[in-house]
Amino acid sequence: METITAQKSEKEKAVVQNRQFCTFWLSGRLFGVQILDVKEIHPEVAITPIFHAPREVKGYVNIRGQVYLILDLRPMLGFESKEIDRKSCLVIFKATVGESFGVLVDQIGDVVEISSDQIETGGIDGGGQEKMGGPGMVQSVCKLPQSLLVVLDARKFLGSIETKQ
């Protein structure tokens, strides 16, 4: 009986968990955040600007009576800002991530499911973090058949704005 229990626990350890990510495009690159952090994707991008705000703060948007602060991920990740076009979308996050905020992205992608053994986390905090929003914003990378997915930690978005001021 003991050998069966030992074998079973080893098999349970070998089970690979799958994680889902909401993906989006910025400057021709594929990024993603954990799907559990996302409240909704909103195609309407009628943003009210906030004057004298940092360039990473795009403004406010009112969605069904709820006001959200909208951040522009492009300058946060070291890319040039661009004008909003018909492909632009808002990714709105749950309150557990940060209070009433979302991010502007160039184009929304798919929800992808990736096994945890495909996710690379080692060496992420190395060089190049300054160009990608500072330490901690890049959580991991995943090799997909058609591209490389850079997974961002949505909980770090608001904090990166506060530290730059």
Protein backbone atom coordinates (compact mmCIF):
# COMPACT_ATOMS: atom_id res chain seq x y z
CA MET A 1 0.00 0.00 0.00
CA GLU A 2 2.78 2.42 0.80
CA THR A 3 4.36 2.05 -2.66
CA ILE A 4 1.06 2.89 -4.38
CA THR A 5 0.72 6.06 -2.27
CA ALA A 6 4.31 7.08 -3.03
CA GLN A 7 3.79 6.54 -6.77
CA LYS A 8 0.57 8.52 -6.73
CA SER A 9 2.16 11.53 -5.05
CA GLU A 10 4.98 11.54 -7.62
CA LYS A 11 2.41 11.53 -10.43
CA GLU A 12 0.55 14.42 -8.80
CA LYS A 13 3.80 16.41 -8.70
CA ALA A 14 4.33 15.70 -12.40
CA VAL A 15 0.98 17.21 -13.35
CA VAL A 16 1.61 20.43 -15.24
CA GLN A 17 -0.76 23.29 -14.59
CA ASN A 18 -2.03 25.44 -17.43
CA ARG A 19 -2.27 29.22 -17.11
CA GLN A 20 -4.35 31.55 -19.26
CA PHE A 21 -3.24 34.96 -20.46
CA CYS A 22 -5.06 37.83 -22.12
CA THR A 23 -2.75 38.93 -24.93
CA PHE A 24 -2.38 42.23 -26.73
CA TRP A 25 -0.06 43.93 -29.19
CA LEU A 26 2.12 46.97 -28.55
CA SER A 27 4.54 48.28 -31.14
CA GLY A 28 4.42 44.99 -33.07
CA ARG A 29 5.24 42.87 -30.01
CA LEU A 30 3.00 40.41 -28.17
CA PHE A 31 2.38 41.03 -24.47
CA GLY A 32 0.00 39.47 -21.99
CA VAL A 33 -1.38 39.59 -18.48
CA GLN A 34 -2.99 36.88 -16.40
CA ILE A 35 -6.61 36.45 -17.45
CA LEU A 36 -7.68 36.31 -13.80
CA ASP A 37 -6.59 39.96 -13.40
CA VAL A 38 -8.72 41.23 -16.32
CA LYS A 39 -12.23 42.56 -15.70
CA GLU A 40 -13.09 43.37 -19.32
CA ILE A 41 -11.83 44.41 -22.73
CA HIS A 42 -13.45 47.59 -23.96
CA PRO A 43 -13.25 48.76 -27.59
CA GLU A 44 -14.42 52.34 -26.93
CA VAL A 45 -11.47 54.59 -26.27
CA ALA A 46 -13.05 58.02 -25.73
CA ILE A 47 -10.48 59.16 -23.17
CA THR A 48 -10.69 62.46 -21.29
CA PRO A 49 -7.12 63.75 -20.91
CA ILE A 50 -5.63 64.83 -17.59
CA PHE A 51 -3.52 67.92 -18.04
CA HIS A 52 -0.08 68.04 -16.39
CA ALA A 53 -0.19 64.27 -15.73
CA PRO A 54 2.84 62.09 -16.47
CA ARG A 55 3.03 60.93 -20.08
CA GLU A 56 2.20 57.37 -18.96
CA VAL A 57 -1.24 58.56 -17.81
CA LYS A 58 -3.52 58.81 -20.83
CA GLY A 59 -6.60 60.08 -18.95
CA TYR A 60 -9.97 58.94 -17.66
CA VAL A 61 -12.76 56.98 -19.29
CA ASN A 62 -16.35 56.49 -18.13
CA ILE A 63 -17.68 52.98 -18.75
CA ARG A 64 -21.28 52.43 -17.66
CA GLY A 65 -21.00 55.04 -14.93
CA GLN A 66 -17.68 53.77 -13.55
CA VAL A 67 -14.65 56.05 -14.03
CA TYR A 68 -11.30 54.38 -14.76
CA LEU A 69 -7.80 55.84 -14.93
CA ILE A 70 -6.21 54.78 -18.24
CA LEU A 71 -2.47 54.24 -18.53
CA ASP A 72 -0.56 54.21 -21.80
CA LEU A 73 1.61 51.09 -21.77
CA ARG A 74 3.75 52.25 -24.69
CA PRO A 75 5.87 54.82 -22.79
CA MET A 76 5.85 52.58 -19.70
CA LEU A 77 7.60 49.89 -21.76
CA GLY A 78 9.97 52.24 -23.55
CA PHE A 79 8.05 52.66 -26.83
CA GLU A 80 6.93 55.90 -28.45
CA SER A 81 3.31 56.95 -27.88
CA LYS A 82 0.99 56.79 -30.87
CA GLU A 83 -2.40 58.11 -31.79
CA ILE A 84 -5.45 56.05 -30.92
CA ASP A 85 -6.83 54.23 -33.96
CA ARG A 86 -9.71 51.84 -34.68
CA LYS A 87 -7.73 48.80 -33.45
CA SER A 88 -6.89 50.39 -30.08
CA CYS A 89 -8.59 48.84 -27.04
CA LEU A 90 -8.73 49.23 -23.30
CA VAL A 91 -7.89 46.40 -20.93
CA ILE A 92 -9.70 47.09 -17.65
CA PHE A 93 -8.42 45.34 -14.52
CA LYS A 94 -10.24 43.93 -11.51
CA ALA A 95 -10.17 45.83 -8.21
CA THR A 96 -7.85 43.16 -6.77
CA VAL A 97 -5.12 44.39 -9.13
CA GLY A 98 -5.57 48.10 -8.47
CA GLU A 99 -8.41 50.49 -7.91
CA SER A 100 -10.33 51.47 -11.08
CA PHE A 101 -7.70 51.46 -13.80
CA GLY A 102 -6.97 50.05 -17.20
CA VAL A 103 -4.38 50.27 -19.97
CA LEU A 104 -4.49 51.35 -23.60
CA VAL A 105 -3.16 48.76 -26.06
CA ASP A 106 -2.60 48.88 -29.83
CA GLN A 107 -4.65 45.78 -30.56
CA ILE A 108 -6.17 43.02 -28.49
CA GLY A 109 -4.97 39.46 -29.09
CA ASP A 110 -6.37 36.12 -28.01
CA VAL A 111 -6.69 34.36 -24.71
CA VAL A 112 -3.91 31.79 -24.75
CA GLU A 113 -3.49 28.80 -22.48
CA ILE A 114 0.09 27.84 -21.74
CA SER A 115 1.42 25.00 -19.64
CA SER A 116 3.60 26.14 -16.76
CA ASP A 117 6.61 24.22 -18.12
CA GLN A 118 6.65 26.53 -21.20
CA ILE A 119 6.93 29.67 -19.06
CA GLU A 120 10.47 31.00 -18.63
CA THR A 121 11.08 33.09 -15.51
CA GLY A 122 14.84 32.73 -14.97
CA GLY A 123 17.00 35.76 -15.79
CA ILE A 124 14.04 38.08 -16.35
CA ASP A 125 15.35 40.69 -13.91
CA GLY A 126 18.56 40.98 -15.89
CA GLY A 127 19.51 43.69 -18.37
CA GLY A 128 16.89 45.51 -20.38
CA GLN A 129 14.42 45.96 -17.53
CA GLU A 130 14.85 49.75 -17.71
CA LYS A 131 13.47 49.62 -21.24
CA MET A 132 10.57 47.39 -20.17
CA GLY A 133 9.05 49.42 -17.34
CA GLY A 134 11.68 48.83 -14.68
CA PRO A 135 12.30 45.90 -12.39
CA GLY A 136 9.43 43.56 -11.76
CA MET A 137 7.06 44.62 -14.56
CA VAL A 138 8.09 41.74 -16.81
CA GLN A 139 7.00 38.57 -15.05
CA SER A 140 8.00 35.91 -17.58
CA VAL A 141 8.28 35.02 -21.26
CA CYS A 142 6.69 32.18 -23.21
CA LYS A 143 7.70 30.76 -26.56
CA LEU A 144 4.61 30.38 -28.71
CA PRO A 145 4.61 28.73 -32.15
CA GLN A 146 4.32 32.08 -34.00
CA SER A 147 5.84 34.57 -31.55
CA LEU A 148 7.32 35.31 -28.16
CA LEU A 149 4.86 36.32 -25.42
CA VAL A 150 6.10 38.73 -22.76
CA VAL A 151 3.96 38.35 -19.64
CA LEU A 152 3.58 41.54 -17.61
CA ASP A 153 2.61 41.88 -13.95
CA ALA A 154 -0.46 44.16 -13.99
CA ARG A 155 -0.06 44.79 -10.25
CA LYS A 156 3.14 46.73 -11.00
CA PHE A 157 1.57 49.18 -13.50
CA LEU A 158 0.28 51.77 -11.03
CA GLY A 159 3.38 51.46 -8.87
CA SER A 160 5.67 52.24 -11.79
CA ILE A 161 3.82 55.55 -12.39
CA GLU A 162 4.06 56.52 -8.71
CA THR A 163 7.82 55.86 -8.55
CA LYS A 164 8.56 57.96 -11.67
CA GLN A 165 6.93 61.11 -10.30
